[in-house]
Amino acid sequence: MKSPKTILLIEDDLDLAELMTAFFRQKEIQVQHYSEPVDALQDLKSGRLKVDAIITDLNLPMMTGMDFIRQMRAEGLLVPIILVTATNNVDTAVEAIEAGAYDFVVKPIHFPQLLISAQRAFKLNYLHNENQNLRDAIDQSKGLGPQGIIGKSDSIMRLMELAKRVAKSSATISITGESGTGKEVFA
């Protein structure tokens, strides 16, 4: 767990973003800054961006931090998210946690507190990844894919990876295909 950690920082206040970036870099934590949550979400979904934790502001252009959290969870992306807001409101904090936020930090930011929250988020992300790696290793040792699916072709591997991603989502999907192709197995 000693590899360099990376935080995705979504903040439209460039002065605050610079301050947070400088703070984390002093702690040898890499920061990827985005002003627009839509761009960050697109890069996370595509796999172009890999991070260990996310810090996002609540009030952002185009998409709120709360909507970003909900969209991340709907996509099955489980990176721990810390929501930062100027609102010291218990209802907002509860809503954020229910939406899938890992932690809730109120402005003005107390940087030592934010660092502790980020370090705990790194540990949670590490444990989640280790758990998934162990599950994958067990499936491979059995010679089976998820739910006993047998196959090694690129297309079946892509299909199994897609099935893993959508299984974590609460979205409704429709599976179509010819009779006997395994639709019920994937469902």
N, C-alpha and C. Protein backbone atom coordinates (compact mmCIF):
# COMPACT_ATOMS: atom_id res chain seq x y z
N MET A 1 0.82 -1.19 0.00
CA MET A 1 0.00 0.00 0.00
C MET A 1 0.87 1.25 0.00
N LYS A 2 2.14 1.11 -0.26
CA LYS A 2 3.06 2.24 -0.22
C LYS A 2 3.19 2.96 -1.56
N SER A 3 2.51 2.48 -2.59
CA SER A 3 2.62 3.16 -3.89
C SER A 3 2.01 4.55 -3.78
N PRO A 4 2.46 5.48 -4.63
CA PRO A 4 1.93 6.85 -4.56
C PRO A 4 0.41 6.86 -4.75
N LYS A 5 -0.26 7.62 -3.95
CA LYS A 5 -1.71 7.71 -4.02
C LYS A 5 -2.10 8.91 -4.87
N THR A 6 -3.26 8.80 -5.50
CA THR A 6 -3.76 9.87 -6.35
C THR A 6 -5.18 10.24 -5.94
N ILE A 7 -5.38 11.55 -5.79
CA ILE A 7 -6.70 12.09 -5.48
C ILE A 7 -7.23 12.79 -6.73
N LEU A 8 -8.50 12.54 -7.02
CA LEU A 8 -9.20 13.34 -8.02
C LEU A 8 -9.86 14.48 -7.26
N LEU A 9 -9.50 15.70 -7.59
CA LEU A 9 -10.06 16.89 -6.95
C LEU A 9 -10.98 17.58 -7.96
N ILE A 10 -12.25 17.67 -7.61
CA ILE A 10 -13.21 18.37 -8.47
C ILE A 10 -13.62 19.63 -7.73
N GLU A 11 -13.10 20.75 -8.20
CA GLU A 11 -13.30 22.04 -7.53
C GLU A 11 -13.25 23.15 -8.58
N ASP A 12 -14.29 23.98 -8.61
CA ASP A 12 -14.32 25.06 -9.60
C ASP A 12 -13.66 26.34 -9.08
N ASP A 13 -13.40 26.44 -7.79
CA ASP A 13 -12.68 27.58 -7.22
C ASP A 13 -11.18 27.31 -7.41
N LEU A 14 -10.58 27.95 -8.41
CA LEU A 14 -9.20 27.64 -8.77
C LEU A 14 -8.20 27.97 -7.66
N ASP A 15 -8.47 29.02 -6.89
CA ASP A 15 -7.57 29.34 -5.77
C ASP A 15 -7.58 28.24 -4.72
N LEU A 16 -8.77 27.77 -4.37
CA LEU A 16 -8.87 26.68 -3.40
C LEU A 16 -8.26 25.40 -3.96
N ALA A 17 -8.49 25.13 -5.24
CA ALA A 17 -7.92 23.94 -5.87
C ALA A 17 -6.40 23.98 -5.83
N GLU A 18 -5.80 25.14 -6.09
CA GLU A 18 -4.34 25.28 -6.02
C GLU A 18 -3.83 25.04 -4.61
N LEU A 19 -4.54 25.58 -3.63
CA LEU A 19 -4.16 25.42 -2.23
C LEU A 19 -4.23 23.95 -1.81
N MET A 20 -5.31 23.28 -2.18
CA MET A 20 -5.46 21.87 -1.83
C MET A 20 -4.42 21.01 -2.55
N THR A 21 -4.18 21.31 -3.81
CA THR A 21 -3.18 20.57 -4.58
C THR A 21 -1.80 20.72 -3.96
N ALA A 22 -1.42 21.93 -3.59
CA ALA A 22 -0.12 22.16 -2.96
C ALA A 22 -0.02 21.41 -1.63
N PHE A 23 -1.08 21.43 -0.85
CA PHE A 23 -1.09 20.72 0.44
C PHE A 23 -0.85 19.23 0.24
N PHE A 24 -1.61 18.62 -0.66
CA PHE A 24 -1.48 17.17 -0.86
C PHE A 24 -0.14 16.81 -1.48
N ARG A 25 0.36 17.62 -2.37
CA ARG A 25 1.66 17.32 -2.98
C ARG A 25 2.78 17.38 -1.95
N GLN A 26 2.65 18.27 -0.94
CA GLN A 26 3.63 18.30 0.16
C GLN A 26 3.61 16.98 0.92
N LYS A 27 2.48 16.31 0.91
CA LYS A 27 2.32 15.02 1.59
C LYS A 27 2.60 13.86 0.64
N GLU A 28 3.16 14.18 -0.54
CA GLU A 28 3.51 13.19 -1.56
C GLU A 28 2.29 12.42 -2.08
N ILE A 29 1.20 13.15 -2.20
CA ILE A 29 -0.03 12.61 -2.77
C ILE A 29 -0.27 13.35 -4.09
N GLN A 30 -0.45 12.58 -5.16
CA GLN A 30 -0.69 13.18 -6.47
C GLN A 30 -2.13 13.68 -6.56
N VAL A 31 -2.33 14.75 -7.30
CA VAL A 31 -3.66 15.34 -7.45
C VAL A 31 -3.96 15.53 -8.94
N GLN A 32 -5.12 15.04 -9.35
CA GLN A 32 -5.64 15.30 -10.68
C GLN A 32 -6.82 16.26 -10.49
N HIS A 33 -6.70 17.48 -11.00
CA HIS A 33 -7.73 18.49 -10.78
C HIS A 33 -8.63 18.63 -12.01
N TYR A 34 -9.92 18.66 -11.75
CA TYR A 34 -10.94 18.94 -12.76
C TYR A 34 -11.85 20.02 -12.22
N SER A 35 -12.25 20.95 -13.07
CA SER A 35 -13.23 21.97 -12.68
C SER A 35 -14.65 21.50 -12.95
N GLU A 36 -14.79 20.61 -13.92
CA GLU A 36 -16.11 20.13 -14.34
C GLU A 36 -16.29 18.67 -13.96
N PRO A 37 -17.29 18.34 -13.15
CA PRO A 37 -17.52 16.95 -12.77
C PRO A 37 -17.89 16.05 -13.94
N VAL A 38 -18.53 16.61 -14.96
CA VAL A 38 -18.92 15.82 -16.13
C VAL A 38 -17.68 15.27 -16.83
N ASP A 39 -16.64 16.09 -16.97
CA ASP A 39 -15.39 15.65 -17.60
C ASP A 39 -14.71 14.57 -16.76
N ALA A 40 -14.69 14.77 -15.45
CA ALA A 40 -14.07 13.79 -14.56
C ALA A 40 -14.80 12.45 -14.64
N LEU A 41 -16.12 12.50 -14.62
CA LEU A 41 -16.92 11.28 -14.69
C LEU A 41 -16.66 10.53 -15.99
N GLN A 42 -16.57 11.26 -17.08
CA GLN A 42 -16.31 10.64 -18.38
C GLN A 42 -14.95 9.93 -18.38
N ASP A 43 -13.92 10.58 -17.84
CA ASP A 43 -12.59 9.98 -17.80
C ASP A 43 -12.52 8.79 -16.85
N LEU A 44 -13.27 8.83 -15.75
CA LEU A 44 -13.32 7.70 -14.83
C LEU A 44 -14.01 6.51 -15.49
N LYS A 45 -15.14 6.76 -16.13
CA LYS A 45 -15.90 5.69 -16.79
C LYS A 45 -15.09 5.03 -17.89
N SER A 46 -14.33 5.82 -18.63
CA SER A 46 -13.57 5.28 -19.76
C SER A 46 -12.31 4.54 -19.31
N GLY A 47 -11.92 4.74 -18.05
CA GLY A 47 -10.69 4.12 -17.56
C GLY A 47 -9.45 4.95 -17.81
N ARG A 48 -9.60 6.13 -18.43
CA ARG A 48 -8.44 7.00 -18.67
C ARG A 48 -7.90 7.57 -17.37
N LEU A 49 -8.74 7.62 -16.36
CA LEU A 49 -8.35 8.21 -15.07
C LEU A 49 -8.52 7.16 -13.98
N LYS A 50 -7.44 6.88 -13.27
CA LYS A 50 -7.45 5.93 -12.15
C LYS A 50 -7.02 6.70 -10.90
N VAL A 51 -7.85 6.67 -9.87
CA VAL A 51 -7.55 7.40 -8.64
C VAL A 51 -7.85 6.52 -7.43
N ASP A 52 -7.31 6.94 -6.29
CA ASP A 52 -7.50 6.20 -5.04
C ASP A 52 -8.59 6.81 -4.16
N ALA A 53 -8.91 8.07 -4.39
CA ALA A 53 -9.97 8.76 -3.65
C ALA A 53 -10.39 9.99 -4.45
N ILE A 54 -11.58 10.47 -4.15
CA ILE A 54 -12.11 11.65 -4.84
C ILE A 54 -12.55 12.67 -3.80
N ILE A 55 -12.19 13.92 -4.03
CA ILE A 55 -12.69 15.03 -3.23
C ILE A 55 -13.45 15.94 -4.18
N THR A 56 -14.72 16.16 -3.88
CA THR A 56 -15.54 17.01 -4.75
C THR A 56 -16.30 18.04 -3.94
N ASP A 57 -16.44 19.21 -4.52
CA ASP A 57 -17.25 20.26 -3.92
C ASP A 57 -18.72 19.91 -4.15
N LEU A 58 -19.59 20.44 -3.31
CA LEU A 58 -21.02 20.22 -3.49
C LEU A 58 -21.58 21.08 -4.62
N ASN A 59 -21.24 22.35 -4.62
CA ASN A 59 -21.78 23.29 -5.61
C ASN A 59 -20.80 23.46 -6.76
N LEU A 60 -21.14 22.81 -7.87
CA LEU A 60 -20.29 22.83 -9.06
C LEU A 60 -21.13 23.17 -10.28
N PRO A 61 -20.49 23.65 -11.35
CA PRO A 61 -21.24 23.92 -12.58
C PRO A 61 -21.65 22.62 -13.27
N MET A 62 -22.76 22.65 -13.95
CA MET A 62 -23.27 21.56 -14.78
C MET A 62 -23.80 20.36 -13.99
N MET A 63 -23.19 20.03 -12.86
CA MET A 63 -23.61 18.87 -12.07
C MET A 63 -23.19 19.13 -10.63
N THR A 64 -24.08 18.92 -9.69
CA THR A 64 -23.70 19.12 -8.28
C THR A 64 -22.82 17.96 -7.82
N GLY A 65 -22.12 18.18 -6.74
CA GLY A 65 -21.32 17.11 -6.16
C GLY A 65 -22.18 15.92 -5.77
N MET A 66 -23.40 16.19 -5.30
CA MET A 66 -24.33 15.12 -4.92
C MET A 66 -24.72 14.30 -6.14
N ASP A 67 -25.02 14.98 -7.25
CA ASP A 67 -25.36 14.28 -8.49
C ASP A 67 -24.16 13.47 -9.00
N PHE A 68 -22.96 14.02 -8.84
CA PHE A 68 -21.75 13.30 -9.24
C PHE A 68 -21.63 11.99 -8.46
N ILE A 69 -21.86 12.06 -7.15
CA ILE A 69 -21.79 10.86 -6.31
C ILE A 69 -22.81 9.83 -6.78
N ARG A 70 -24.03 10.27 -6.99
CA ARG A 70 -25.08 9.34 -7.44
C ARG A 70 -24.73 8.71 -8.79
N GLN A 71 -24.20 9.51 -9.70
CA GLN A 71 -23.83 9.00 -11.02
C GLN A 71 -22.69 7.99 -10.91
N MET A 72 -21.71 8.29 -10.06
CA MET A 72 -20.60 7.35 -9.84
C MET A 72 -21.13 6.00 -9.36
N ARG A 73 -21.99 6.02 -8.39
CA ARG A 73 -22.52 4.78 -7.83
C ARG A 73 -23.41 4.06 -8.84
N ALA A 74 -24.18 4.81 -9.62
CA ALA A 74 -25.02 4.19 -10.66
C ALA A 74 -24.17 3.49 -11.71
N GLU A 75 -22.97 4.01 -11.95
CA GLU A 75 -22.05 3.41 -12.92
C GLU A 75 -21.26 2.25 -12.31
N GLY A 76 -21.45 2.01 -11.01
CA GLY A 76 -20.72 0.93 -10.35
C GLY A 76 -19.29 1.29 -10.00
N LEU A 77 -18.97 2.58 -10.00
CA LEU A 77 -17.63 3.05 -9.65
C LEU A 77 -17.60 3.32 -8.15
N LEU A 78 -16.76 2.57 -7.43
CA LEU A 78 -16.81 2.56 -5.97
C LEU A 78 -15.67 3.30 -5.29
N VAL A 79 -14.96 4.16 -5.99
CA VAL A 79 -13.88 4.94 -5.39
C VAL A 79 -14.47 5.78 -4.26
N PRO A 80 -13.85 5.79 -3.07
CA PRO A 80 -14.38 6.61 -1.97
C PRO A 80 -14.40 8.09 -2.32
N ILE A 81 -15.51 8.75 -2.00
CA ILE A 81 -15.71 10.16 -2.34
C ILE A 81 -15.90 10.97 -1.07
N ILE A 82 -15.14 12.05 -0.96
CA ILE A 82 -15.26 12.99 0.15
C ILE A 82 -15.94 14.24 -0.41
N LEU A 83 -17.07 14.60 0.16
CA LEU A 83 -17.82 15.77 -0.29
C LEU A 83 -17.45 16.97 0.57
N VAL A 84 -17.08 18.07 -0.08
CA VAL A 84 -16.70 19.31 0.61
C VAL A 84 -17.78 20.35 0.33
N THR A 85 -18.23 21.03 1.38
CA THR A 85 -19.27 22.03 1.19
C THR A 85 -19.16 23.15 2.23
N ALA A 86 -19.70 24.29 1.88
CA ALA A 86 -19.76 25.42 2.81
C ALA A 86 -20.97 25.28 3.72
N THR A 87 -21.84 24.34 3.43
CA THR A 87 -23.07 24.15 4.19
C THR A 87 -22.84 23.21 5.37
N ASN A 88 -22.98 23.73 6.56
CA ASN A 88 -22.85 22.91 7.76
C ASN A 88 -24.25 22.46 8.16
N ASN A 89 -24.81 21.57 7.35
CA ASN A 89 -26.19 21.14 7.50
C ASN A 89 -26.22 19.63 7.65
N VAL A 90 -26.81 19.16 8.74
CA VAL A 90 -26.87 17.72 9.01
C VAL A 90 -27.64 16.99 7.92
N ASP A 91 -28.73 17.58 7.43
CA ASP A 91 -29.52 16.94 6.38
C ASP A 91 -28.70 16.73 5.11
N THR A 92 -27.88 17.71 4.77
CA THR A 92 -27.02 17.59 3.59
C THR A 92 -25.99 16.48 3.80
N ALA A 93 -25.42 16.41 4.99
CA ALA A 93 -24.44 15.37 5.30
C ALA A 93 -25.08 13.99 5.21
N VAL A 94 -26.26 13.83 5.77
CA VAL A 94 -26.96 12.55 5.72
C VAL A 94 -27.28 12.18 4.27
N GLU A 95 -27.77 13.14 3.50
CA GLU A 95 -28.07 12.89 2.09
C GLU A 95 -26.82 12.45 1.32
N ALA A 96 -25.69 13.09 1.61
CA ALA A 96 -24.44 12.75 0.93
C ALA A 96 -24.02 11.32 1.26
N ILE A 97 -24.09 10.95 2.52
CA ILE A 97 -23.69 9.59 2.92
C ILE A 97 -24.65 8.57 2.32
N GLU A 98 -25.94 8.87 2.34
CA GLU A 98 -26.92 7.96 1.73
C GLU A 98 -26.70 7.82 0.23
N ALA A 99 -26.25 8.88 -0.43
CA ALA A 99 -25.98 8.84 -1.87
C ALA A 99 -24.73 8.04 -2.20
N GLY A 100 -23.87 7.82 -1.19
CA GLY A 100 -22.67 7.03 -1.42
C GLY A 100 -21.37 7.74 -1.11
N ALA A 101 -21.44 8.93 -0.51
CA ALA A 101 -20.20 9.62 -0.12
C ALA A 101 -19.54 8.86 1.02
N TYR A 102 -18.24 8.89 1.05
CA TYR A 102 -17.48 8.26 2.13
C TYR A 102 -17.40 9.18 3.34
N ASP A 103 -17.22 10.48 3.10
CA ASP A 103 -17.09 11.44 4.19
C ASP A 103 -17.61 12.79 3.73
N PHE A 104 -17.77 13.68 4.68
CA PHE A 104 -18.37 14.99 4.46
C PHE A 104 -17.52 16.00 5.23
N VAL A 105 -16.95 16.99 4.53
CA VAL A 105 -16.08 17.98 5.15
C VAL A 105 -16.65 19.37 4.90
N VAL A 106 -16.70 20.18 5.96
CA VAL A 106 -17.29 21.52 5.88
C VAL A 106 -16.18 22.56 5.73
N LYS A 107 -16.44 23.54 4.83
CA LYS A 107 -15.52 24.68 4.66
C LYS A 107 -15.75 25.65 5.81
N PRO A 108 -14.76 26.41 6.25
CA PRO A 108 -13.39 26.41 5.75
C PRO A 108 -12.70 25.08 6.09
N ILE A 109 -11.91 24.63 5.15
CA ILE A 109 -11.28 23.31 5.27
C ILE A 109 -10.19 23.32 6.32
N HIS A 110 -10.25 22.34 7.19
CA HIS A 110 -9.19 22.09 8.17
C HIS A 110 -8.33 20.99 7.54
N PHE A 111 -7.19 21.38 6.99
CA PHE A 111 -6.40 20.47 6.16
C PHE A 111 -5.95 19.20 6.87
N PRO A 112 -5.54 19.25 8.15
CA PRO A 112 -5.20 17.98 8.81
C PRO A 112 -6.39 17.01 8.85
N GLN A 113 -7.60 17.52 9.06
CA GLN A 113 -8.78 16.68 9.05
C GLN A 113 -9.01 16.09 7.66
N LEU A 114 -8.84 16.90 6.63
CA LEU A 114 -9.02 16.43 5.26
C LEU A 114 -7.99 15.35 4.91
N LEU A 115 -6.77 15.53 5.39
CA LEU A 115 -5.72 14.52 5.15
C LEU A 115 -6.09 13.19 5.80
N ILE A 116 -6.57 13.24 7.04
CA ILE A 116 -6.97 12.01 7.73
C ILE A 116 -8.10 11.33 6.96
N SER A 117 -9.07 12.10 6.52
CA SER A 117 -10.18 11.54 5.75
C SER A 117 -9.67 10.91 4.45
N ALA A 118 -8.75 11.58 3.76
CA ALA A 118 -8.19 11.04 2.51
C ALA A 118 -7.42 9.75 2.78
N GLN A 119 -6.63 9.71 3.84
CA GLN A 119 -5.86 8.51 4.16
C GLN A 119 -6.78 7.33 4.48
N ARG A 120 -7.87 7.60 5.18
CA ARG A 120 -8.84 6.54 5.46
C ARG A 120 -9.51 6.08 4.16
N ALA A 121 -9.78 7.02 3.27
CA ALA A 121 -10.38 6.67 1.97
C ALA A 121 -9.42 5.81 1.15
N PHE A 122 -8.12 6.12 1.21
CA PHE A 122 -7.11 5.30 0.51
C PHE A 122 -7.16 3.86 1.02
N LYS A 123 -7.24 3.71 2.34
CA LYS A 123 -7.28 2.36 2.93
C LYS A 123 -8.52 1.61 2.48
N LEU A 124 -9.67 2.29 2.48
CA LEU A 124 -10.90 1.65 2.04
C LEU A 124 -10.79 1.23 0.58
N ASN A 125 -10.26 2.08 -0.27
CA ASN A 125 -10.10 1.76 -1.68
C ASN A 125 -9.15 0.57 -1.86
N TYR A 126 -8.06 0.55 -1.10
CA TYR A 126 -7.11 -0.55 -1.16
C TYR A 126 -7.80 -1.87 -0.78
N LEU A 127 -8.57 -1.85 0.31
CA LEU A 127 -9.26 -3.06 0.75
C LEU A 127 -10.29 -3.53 -0.27
N HIS A 128 -11.00 -2.59 -0.86
CA HIS A 128 -11.98 -2.94 -1.89
C HIS A 128 -11.27 -3.61 -3.08
N ASN A 129 -10.16 -3.03 -3.53
CA ASN A 129 -9.42 -3.59 -4.66
C ASN A 129 -8.85 -4.97 -4.33
N GLU A 130 -8.32 -5.13 -3.12
CA GLU A 130 -7.79 -6.43 -2.70
C GLU A 130 -8.90 -7.48 -2.68
N ASN A 131 -10.05 -7.10 -2.16
CA ASN A 131 -11.19 -8.01 -2.11
C ASN A 131 -11.56 -8.45 -3.52
N GLN A 132 -11.63 -7.50 -4.45
CA GLN A 132 -11.98 -7.84 -5.83
C GLN A 132 -10.91 -8.73 -6.47
N ASN A 133 -9.63 -8.44 -6.20
CA ASN A 133 -8.55 -9.26 -6.74
C ASN A 133 -8.65 -10.70 -6.22
N LEU A 134 -8.97 -10.86 -4.95
CA LEU A 134 -9.11 -12.20 -4.38
C LEU A 134 -10.30 -12.93 -5.00
N ARG A 135 -11.39 -12.23 -5.19
CA ARG A 135 -12.56 -12.86 -5.83
C ARG A 135 -12.22 -13.30 -7.26
N ASP A 136 -11.51 -12.44 -7.98
CA ASP A 136 -11.11 -12.78 -9.35
C ASP A 136 -10.17 -13.98 -9.36
N ALA A 137 -9.23 -14.03 -8.41
CA ALA A 137 -8.29 -15.15 -8.33
C ALA A 137 -9.02 -16.45 -8.04
N ILE A 138 -10.01 -16.40 -7.17
CA ILE A 138 -10.80 -17.60 -6.87
C ILE A 138 -11.53 -18.07 -8.12
N ASP A 139 -12.15 -17.14 -8.84
CA ASP A 139 -12.84 -17.50 -10.08
C ASP A 139 -11.88 -18.11 -11.09
N GLN A 140 -10.69 -17.52 -11.22
CA GLN A 140 -9.70 -18.05 -12.18
C GLN A 140 -9.21 -19.42 -11.76
N SER A 141 -9.01 -19.63 -10.46
CA SER A 141 -8.51 -20.92 -10.00
C SER A 141 -9.52 -22.03 -10.26
N LYS A 142 -10.77 -21.68 -10.31
CA LYS A 142 -11.82 -22.65 -10.62
C LYS A 142 -11.97 -22.83 -12.13
N GLY A 143 -11.30 -21.97 -12.90
CA GLY A 143 -11.43 -22.03 -14.35
C GLY A 143 -12.75 -21.47 -14.84
N LEU A 144 -13.39 -20.72 -13.96
CA LEU A 144 -14.71 -20.21 -14.29
C LEU A 144 -14.73 -18.70 -14.22
N GLY A 145 -15.61 -18.11 -14.96
CA GLY A 145 -15.86 -16.68 -14.84
C GLY A 145 -16.93 -16.48 -13.78
N PRO A 146 -17.45 -15.29 -13.67
CA PRO A 146 -18.51 -15.03 -12.70
C PRO A 146 -19.69 -15.97 -12.92
N GLN A 147 -20.26 -16.48 -11.85
CA GLN A 147 -21.44 -17.34 -11.88
C GLN A 147 -21.23 -18.59 -12.73
N GLY A 148 -19.99 -19.08 -12.85
CA GLY A 148 -19.74 -20.33 -13.54
C GLY A 148 -19.69 -20.25 -15.05
N ILE A 149 -19.52 -19.07 -15.61
CA ILE A 149 -19.45 -18.91 -17.06
C ILE A 149 -18.08 -19.38 -17.53
N ILE A 150 -18.08 -20.25 -18.53
CA ILE A 150 -16.83 -20.78 -19.06
C ILE A 150 -16.55 -20.10 -20.38
N GLY A 151 -15.35 -19.57 -20.54
CA GLY A 151 -14.99 -18.92 -21.78
C GLY A 151 -13.72 -18.11 -21.64
N LYS A 152 -12.92 -18.06 -22.70
CA LYS A 152 -11.66 -17.33 -22.66
C LYS A 152 -11.52 -16.34 -23.81
N SER A 153 -12.48 -16.30 -24.75
CA SER A 153 -12.36 -15.40 -25.90
C SER A 153 -12.42 -13.95 -25.44
N ASP A 154 -11.88 -13.06 -26.28
CA ASP A 154 -11.90 -11.64 -25.95
C ASP A 154 -13.33 -11.13 -25.77
N SER A 155 -14.23 -11.59 -26.62
CA SER A 155 -15.61 -11.09 -26.54
C SER A 155 -16.29 -11.53 -25.25
N ILE A 156 -16.09 -12.78 -24.82
CA ILE A 156 -16.72 -13.24 -23.57
C ILE A 156 -16.07 -12.56 -22.37
N MET A 157 -14.76 -12.29 -22.44
CA MET A 157 -14.09 -11.59 -21.35
C MET A 157 -14.61 -10.16 -21.22
N ARG A 158 -14.81 -9.49 -22.37
CA ARG A 158 -15.38 -8.13 -22.34
C ARG A 158 -16.80 -8.16 -21.79
N LEU A 159 -17.57 -9.17 -22.19
CA LEU A 159 -18.94 -9.30 -21.72
C LEU A 159 -18.97 -9.54 -20.21
N MET A 160 -18.07 -10.38 -19.70
CA MET A 160 -18.03 -10.63 -18.25
C MET A 160 -17.61 -9.38 -17.49
N GLU A 161 -16.67 -8.62 -18.04
CA GLU A 161 -16.24 -7.37 -17.40
C GLU A 161 -17.39 -6.36 -17.37
N LEU A 162 -18.13 -6.27 -18.47
CA LEU A 162 -19.29 -5.38 -18.51
C LEU A 162 -20.35 -5.83 -17.51
N ALA A 163 -20.57 -7.14 -17.43
CA ALA A 163 -21.55 -7.67 -16.48
C ALA A 163 -21.15 -7.33 -15.04
N LYS A 164 -19.85 -7.42 -14.73
CA LYS A 164 -19.38 -7.05 -13.38
C LYS A 164 -19.69 -5.60 -13.07
N ARG A 165 -19.44 -4.72 -14.06
CA ARG A 165 -19.66 -3.28 -13.84
C ARG A 165 -21.14 -2.97 -13.63
N VAL A 166 -22.00 -3.53 -14.47
CA VAL A 166 -23.42 -3.19 -14.35
C VAL A 166 -24.06 -3.89 -13.15
N ALA A 167 -23.48 -4.99 -12.69
CA ALA A 167 -24.02 -5.68 -11.52
C ALA A 167 -23.95 -4.81 -10.28
N LYS A 168 -22.96 -3.92 -10.21
CA LYS A 168 -22.80 -3.03 -9.06
C LYS A 168 -23.77 -1.85 -9.11
N SER A 169 -24.44 -1.69 -10.24
CA SER A 169 -25.32 -0.55 -10.46
C SER A 169 -26.76 -0.92 -10.11
N SER A 170 -27.54 0.08 -9.78
CA SER A 170 -28.96 -0.15 -9.53
C SER A 170 -29.79 0.13 -10.79
N ALA A 171 -29.12 0.37 -11.91
CA ALA A 171 -29.80 0.68 -13.16
C ALA A 171 -30.53 -0.55 -13.71
N THR A 172 -31.64 -0.34 -14.38
CA THR A 172 -32.38 -1.41 -15.03
C THR A 172 -31.79 -1.64 -16.42
N ILE A 173 -31.57 -2.92 -16.76
CA ILE A 173 -31.02 -3.24 -18.08
C ILE A 173 -31.89 -4.28 -18.76
N SER A 174 -31.74 -4.39 -20.07
CA SER A 174 -32.44 -5.39 -20.85
C SER A 174 -31.40 -6.25 -21.56
N ILE A 175 -31.51 -7.57 -21.39
CA ILE A 175 -30.57 -8.50 -22.03
C ILE A 175 -31.33 -9.21 -23.13
N THR A 176 -30.82 -9.10 -24.36
CA THR A 176 -31.49 -9.73 -25.50
C THR A 176 -30.53 -10.68 -26.20
N GLY A 177 -31.08 -11.63 -26.93
CA GLY A 177 -30.27 -12.56 -27.69
C GLY A 177 -31.06 -13.81 -28.03
N GLU A 178 -30.42 -14.68 -28.79
CA GLU A 178 -31.08 -15.90 -29.22
C GLU A 178 -31.26 -16.85 -28.04
N SER A 179 -32.17 -17.79 -28.20
CA SER A 179 -32.44 -18.79 -27.19
C SER A 179 -31.19 -19.65 -26.96
N GLY A 180 -30.87 -19.90 -25.69
CA GLY A 180 -29.74 -20.77 -25.36
C GLY A 180 -28.39 -20.09 -25.33
N THR A 181 -28.36 -18.77 -25.37
CA THR A 181 -27.07 -18.06 -25.40
C THR A 181 -26.58 -17.63 -24.01
N GLY A 182 -27.35 -17.93 -22.96
CA GLY A 182 -26.89 -17.63 -21.61
C GLY A 182 -27.39 -16.33 -21.02
N LYS A 183 -28.49 -15.82 -21.57
CA LYS A 183 -29.03 -14.55 -21.04
C LYS A 183 -29.39 -14.67 -19.57
N GLU A 184 -30.00 -15.79 -19.17
CA GLU A 184 -30.41 -15.98 -17.77
C GLU A 184 -29.20 -16.09 -16.85
N VAL A 185 -28.12 -16.65 -17.33
CA VAL A 185 -26.90 -16.76 -16.52
C VAL A 185 -26.37 -15.37 -16.21
N PHE A 186 -26.37 -14.48 -17.21
CA PHE A 186 -25.89 -13.12 -16.99
C PHE A 186 -26.87 -12.30 -16.17
N ALA A 187 -28.16 -12.60 -16.29
CA ALA A 187 -29.17 -11.85 -15.52
C ALA A 187 -28.98 -12.15 -14.05
